[in-house]
Structures are given as C-alpha cells and as structure tokens.
C-alpha cells in the first residue's frame, strides 16, 4: 500500500518540493496550507492521488482538524511532515507580542499538536513516521530574529519528547535543519535583517551571510526535500529523536 503522507506548508518552498518528491515515490498526499490557489497548483504538479486541505493551523483546533481531515481523505496516515512556518525580523528592543504569538502558534504549538494528533492515530496502528522542520537558528544567538529562533528551539524539544512518547508504538520522530534556502521567506527575512542592521548594500549583505556557510554556497528546496524524504521513507527504523543537519556545515554536531 502506498505511504499516506500529510505535508503542512505545502503551497510553496520546501513544502512544495517535499510534496513533489514524495509524489515521485508513489505516496498519496494530503497537502495542508492556508493558500488555496498555490496549494491547488502544487497538487496539480504532483500528478498523484492528492488531497488539498485549506486549514489555518493557528486557529482553535486547527492542527487537530488538519490531521483529522487528512486521515479521512487518505483513509489513514503513515507520515507527517511538519513544514509550515513563519519568521519575521524584529529589533530586540522593539519586539511585539503579536510577532511572538503568530510565530509560536504556527512554528511550535501547531507542530506539537499535530505530533500528538497524528501520534494518536499512529499509536493505534503501531507504525508511522513524523519529520519536523527545525533550523540552525535554534542554536544561534539572534537578537533580531528571536521569536523564530526560540520557536525552532521548541521544535527540537517537541521532536525529542514526541520521539520518546511514540517509540513504544513503532513510530519514529525526527527533524531536519535546513540551511539557507532560496525561498521567498528567506529573502524577505534577510531584507528585514539588513534593514535592522542599517545595511543598504543588500547584495553585499547576502554575500557575507553566504560566506558563513562552510560549503560556501546556499542550497535549494529540492536538495533539502531529498533529506526529508530520506528520513520519511528510507532511514532505518532505529533512527528516532534525531536532528539531521542539511545546512552545508552551518549547523555542526
């Protein structure tokens, strides 16, 4: 039977690349996003049995509803990729509660609640895999990007806890930490950070950030998606509670 997979934030970026890669591996998909036109486009690109679920994961019971809808559409659930995310650059001394609320609601609370909701289903069937998307930012001191960094540190904690909770039932939970990917969110965030640092030489700013990567270059969503798919489908089932860096050496274990 084909692997039944739910991907959040599937309408663009890494979510889209992961959906396409899983479709190529014969998975049946539930694509979760808040952007209906973009997600419908991705579904058409997949060329595989695909369900589009338009769901605000920050809404009350939104995460649980997304899982319930995916299970109903796919007649079960074998894999969850928690990819949906939000980030905003903000001066440390001018942080706003609204930024924290939106960031933590989507990046952390939704991930935890999806892990629990999907975990209940996977516990009953005694199998399944969950892959969470974290970030090298979770280990960095980033005063102007603190809500995002803190949310991803929380994702690391959720990954470890969920892995332990679900291990007795044959369910693995791991995380992927992508490096600097060329995505719209990455570019917007870097523009915000450059402005906060008083930089008007944006391309020079980008080049300086890129030089921090030991491999000396940025990556793309398709490369990181291959890492997600490996954890989701190919990794030995003895690997759990792991954080796999796909950051060109930016994040080091």
Protein backbone atom coordinates (compact mmCIF):
# COMPACT_ATOMS: atom_id res chain seq x y z
CA UNK A 1 0.00 0.00 0.00
CA UNK A 2 1.25 3.50 -0.84
CA UNK A 3 2.51 5.64 2.01
CA UNK A 4 -0.17 8.10 3.10
CA UNK A 5 1.52 11.44 3.81
CA UNK A 6 0.43 14.82 5.14
CA UNK A 7 2.66 17.84 4.45
CA UNK A 8 2.00 21.22 6.07
CA UNK A 9 3.00 24.45 4.36
CA UNK A 10 2.76 22.53 1.10
CA UNK A 11 1.88 25.50 -1.09
CA UNK A 12 5.42 26.78 -1.64
CA UNK A 13 9.10 26.43 -0.86
CA UNK A 14 10.28 23.30 0.95
CA UNK A 15 6.70 22.06 1.38
CA UNK A 16 6.13 22.10 -2.35
CA UNK A 17 9.46 20.43 -3.08
CA UNK A 18 8.74 17.74 -0.49
CA UNK A 19 5.28 17.08 -1.90
CA UNK A 20 6.68 16.67 -5.41
CA UNK A 21 9.45 14.37 -4.18
CA UNK A 22 7.02 12.20 -2.20
CA UNK A 23 4.66 12.04 -5.18
CA UNK A 24 7.54 10.73 -7.29
CA UNK A 25 7.98 7.97 -4.71
CA UNK A 26 4.35 6.91 -5.10
CA UNK A 27 2.90 8.40 -1.92
CA UNK A 28 -0.70 9.52 -1.63
CA UNK A 29 -0.74 13.05 -0.31
CA UNK A 30 -2.71 15.49 1.81
CA UNK A 31 -1.36 18.98 1.21
CA UNK A 32 -2.11 21.39 4.05
CA UNK A 33 -1.78 25.14 3.62
CA UNK A 34 -3.71 28.37 4.04
CA UNK A 35 -3.11 29.49 0.43
CA UNK A 36 -5.69 27.70 -1.72
CA UNK A 37 -4.52 28.79 -5.21
CA UNK A 38 -0.88 27.92 -4.54
CA UNK A 39 -1.71 24.57 -2.96
CA UNK A 40 -4.05 23.58 -5.76
CA UNK A 41 -1.24 24.35 -8.20
CA UNK A 42 1.13 22.08 -6.27
CA UNK A 43 -1.49 19.33 -6.20
CA UNK A 44 -1.78 19.52 -9.98
CA UNK A 45 2.01 19.38 -10.30
CA UNK A 46 2.21 16.24 -8.17
CA UNK A 47 0.38 14.11 -10.70
CA UNK A 48 -0.52 11.64 -7.95
CA UNK A 49 -3.55 10.99 -5.75
CA UNK A 50 -3.58 14.27 -3.81
CA UNK A 51 -5.99 15.99 -1.45
CA UNK A 52 -5.81 19.72 -0.74
CA UNK A 53 -6.67 20.77 2.81
CA UNK A 54 -7.03 24.51 3.32
CA UNK A 55 -6.58 24.99 7.04
CA UNK A 56 -5.30 27.74 9.30
CA UNK A 57 -3.04 25.88 11.72
CA UNK A 58 -3.08 28.80 14.15
CA UNK A 59 -6.86 28.64 14.56
CA UNK A 60 -8.50 26.97 17.54
CA UNK A 61 -8.29 23.19 16.95
CA UNK A 62 -6.71 23.92 13.55
CA UNK A 63 -3.86 21.41 13.92
CA UNK A 64 -6.13 18.61 15.09
CA UNK A 65 -8.66 19.38 12.35
CA UNK A 66 -5.95 19.19 9.68
CA UNK A 67 -4.90 15.75 10.91
CA UNK A 68 -8.49 14.52 11.10
CA UNK A 69 -9.18 15.74 7.57
CA UNK A 70 -6.00 14.09 6.27
CA UNK A 71 -6.87 10.76 7.91
CA UNK A 72 -10.37 10.88 6.46
CA UNK A 73 -9.16 11.79 2.97
CA UNK A 74 -6.34 9.24 2.86
CA UNK A 75 -8.10 6.52 4.85
CA UNK A 76 -5.25 6.60 7.36
CA UNK A 77 -1.92 8.30 7.88
CA UNK A 78 1.61 6.92 7.76
CA UNK A 79 3.73 10.06 7.50
CA UNK A 80 3.56 13.68 8.64
CA UNK A 81 5.97 16.40 7.54
CA UNK A 82 5.60 19.45 9.79
CA UNK A 83 6.96 22.13 7.47
CA UNK A 84 4.65 25.16 7.82
CA UNK A 85 6.46 28.10 9.33
CA UNK A 86 6.67 31.84 9.79
CA UNK A 87 9.54 34.17 10.60
CA UNK A 88 9.95 37.92 10.97
CA UNK A 89 12.99 40.05 11.68
CA UNK A 90 12.35 42.42 14.57
CA UNK A 91 14.60 44.64 16.67
CA UNK A 92 15.25 43.07 20.07
CA UNK A 93 14.34 46.29 21.88
CA UNK A 94 11.10 46.70 19.91
CA UNK A 95 9.72 43.18 20.00
CA UNK A 96 5.94 42.87 19.81
CA UNK A 97 3.68 40.29 21.34
CA UNK A 98 1.87 39.86 18.03
CA UNK A 99 5.05 38.62 16.35
CA UNK A 100 5.64 36.12 19.13
CA UNK A 101 2.06 34.93 19.06
CA UNK A 102 2.00 34.29 15.32
CA UNK A 103 5.45 32.71 15.27
CA UNK A 104 4.92 30.38 18.22
CA UNK A 105 1.38 29.47 17.22
CA UNK A 106 2.47 28.23 13.80
CA UNK A 107 6.06 27.13 14.29
CA UNK A 108 5.74 25.48 17.69
CA UNK A 109 2.23 24.96 19.03
CA UNK A 110 0.87 23.63 15.75
CA UNK A 111 3.81 21.24 15.44
CA UNK A 112 3.30 19.89 18.96
CA UNK A 113 -0.46 19.44 18.49
CA UNK A 114 -0.04 17.78 15.09
CA UNK A 115 2.53 15.40 16.57
CA UNK A 116 0.03 14.47 19.29
CA UNK A 117 -2.97 14.13 16.97
CA UNK A 118 -1.09 12.16 14.32
CA UNK A 119 0.64 10.24 17.11
CA UNK A 120 -2.68 9.00 18.48
CA UNK A 121 -3.54 7.54 15.09
CA UNK A 122 -0.08 6.08 14.55
CA UNK A 123 -0.06 4.63 18.06
CA UNK A 124 -3.21 2.71 17.24
CA UNK A 125 -1.78 1.32 14.00
CA UNK A 126 1.64 0.84 15.67
CA UNK A 127 3.58 2.41 12.84
CA UNK A 128 4.33 5.79 11.31
CA UNK A 129 6.92 8.50 10.85
CA UNK A 130 6.94 12.19 11.68
CA UNK A 131 9.51 14.63 10.29
CA UNK A 132 9.65 18.14 11.75
CA UNK A 133 11.45 21.06 10.12
CA UNK A 134 13.71 22.93 12.53
CA UNK A 135 16.51 25.41 11.82
CA UNK A 136 20.14 26.21 12.64
CA UNK A 137 18.66 29.39 14.17
CA UNK A 138 17.55 27.32 17.17
CA UNK A 139 21.18 27.16 18.31
CA UNK A 140 22.21 30.71 17.48
CA UNK A 141 22.08 33.99 19.41
CA UNK A 142 19.92 36.10 17.09
CA UNK A 143 18.63 39.21 18.90
CA UNK A 144 16.78 40.48 15.82
CA UNK A 145 15.25 37.10 14.97
CA UNK A 146 14.50 35.86 18.44
CA UNK A 147 10.90 34.67 18.13
CA UNK A 148 11.81 32.46 15.18
CA UNK A 149 14.95 31.09 16.81
CA UNK A 150 13.08 30.34 20.03
CA UNK A 151 10.25 28.63 18.14
CA UNK A 152 12.69 26.32 16.40
CA UNK A 153 14.44 25.51 19.67
CA UNK A 154 10.98 24.50 20.82
CA UNK A 155 10.58 22.27 17.75
CA UNK A 156 13.78 20.46 18.79
CA UNK A 157 12.27 19.87 22.23
CA UNK A 158 8.98 18.66 20.75
CA UNK A 159 10.84 16.29 18.43
CA UNK A 160 12.73 14.67 21.30
CA UNK A 161 9.66 14.39 23.53
CA UNK A 162 7.40 13.05 20.77
CA UNK A 163 10.04 10.51 19.76
CA UNK A 164 10.18 9.14 23.31
CA UNK A 165 6.38 9.13 23.70
CA UNK A 166 5.82 7.28 20.42
CA UNK A 167 8.81 4.93 20.41
CA UNK A 168 6.97 2.08 22.19
CA UNK A 169 4.46 2.02 19.32
CA UNK A 170 6.91 1.75 16.43
CA UNK A 171 6.61 5.41 15.44
CA UNK A 172 9.72 7.49 14.75
CA UNK A 173 10.01 11.27 15.10
CA UNK A 174 12.97 13.15 13.66
CA UNK A 175 13.83 16.65 12.48
CA UNK A 176 15.64 18.26 9.55
CA UNK A 177 17.54 21.52 9.98
CA UNK A 178 17.87 23.19 6.55
CA UNK A 179 20.46 25.83 5.90
CA UNK A 180 19.98 28.98 3.85
CA UNK A 181 17.48 28.03 1.16
CA UNK A 182 16.46 30.28 -1.69
CA UNK A 183 12.81 30.81 -0.72
CA UNK A 184 10.55 33.88 -0.60
CA UNK A 185 10.51 33.71 3.21
CA UNK A 186 14.32 33.59 3.35
CA UNK A 187 14.66 36.63 1.10
CA UNK A 188 12.06 38.68 2.99
CA UNK A 189 13.67 37.82 6.32
CA UNK A 190 17.12 38.80 5.09
CA UNK A 191 15.79 42.09 3.79
CA UNK A 192 14.33 42.74 7.24
CA UNK A 193 17.57 41.82 8.98
CA UNK A 194 19.62 44.00 6.65
CA UNK A 195 17.35 46.96 7.38
CA UNK A 196 17.58 46.37 11.13
CA UNK A 197 21.36 46.39 10.87
CA UNK A 198 21.32 49.61 8.86
CA UNK A 199 22.65 47.92 5.74
CA UNK A 200 21.70 49.39 2.37
CA UNK A 201 24.12 47.17 0.43
CA UNK A 202 21.79 44.18 0.33
CA UNK A 203 23.70 42.03 -2.15
CA UNK A 204 26.91 42.53 -0.14
CA UNK A 205 24.97 41.61 2.99
CA UNK A 206 23.76 38.39 1.34
CA UNK A 207 27.27 37.52 0.20
CA UNK A 208 28.62 37.99 3.71
CA UNK A 209 25.96 35.67 5.12
CA UNK A 210 26.66 33.07 2.44
CA UNK A 211 30.37 33.07 3.31
CA UNK A 212 29.43 31.85 6.80
CA UNK A 213 28.43 28.51 5.24
CA UNK A 214 31.46 26.17 5.24
CA UNK A 215 30.48 24.75 1.83
CA UNK A 216 30.43 28.33 0.55
CA UNK A 217 27.02 28.25 -1.12
CA UNK A 218 23.32 28.26 -0.40
CA UNK A 219 21.05 25.32 -1.06
CA UNK A 220 17.69 24.88 -2.73
CA UNK A 221 14.42 23.36 -1.64
CA UNK A 222 14.82 20.29 -3.81
CA UNK A 223 18.09 19.34 -2.08
CA UNK A 224 16.61 19.68 1.38
CA UNK A 225 13.48 17.83 0.28
CA UNK A 226 15.64 14.82 -0.55
CA UNK A 227 16.83 14.86 3.06
CA UNK A 228 13.25 14.99 4.32
CA UNK A 229 12.25 12.12 2.04
CA UNK A 230 15.19 10.01 3.23
CA UNK A 231 14.07 10.38 6.84
CA UNK A 232 10.45 9.85 5.86
CA UNK A 233 10.84 6.75 3.71
CA UNK A 234 14.35 5.34 3.67
CA UNK A 235 16.03 5.85 7.04
CA UNK A 236 16.34 2.74 9.21
CA UNK A 237 13.50 2.46 11.71
CA UNK A 238 16.03 2.51 14.55
CA UNK A 239 16.66 6.23 13.96
CA UNK A 240 14.46 8.43 16.13
CA UNK A 241 14.78 11.63 18.21
CA UNK A 242 17.44 12.72 15.71
CA UNK A 243 18.17 16.16 14.26
CA UNK A 244 19.65 15.88 10.78
CA UNK A 245 21.51 18.97 9.60
CA UNK A 246 21.18 19.86 5.91
CA UNK A 247 22.93 23.19 6.23
CA UNK A 248 26.22 22.92 4.36
CA UNK A 249 28.09 22.84 7.66
CA UNK A 250 26.42 25.96 9.08
CA UNK A 251 24.98 23.84 11.88
CA UNK A 252 27.53 21.48 13.40
CA UNK A 253 27.03 18.47 15.67
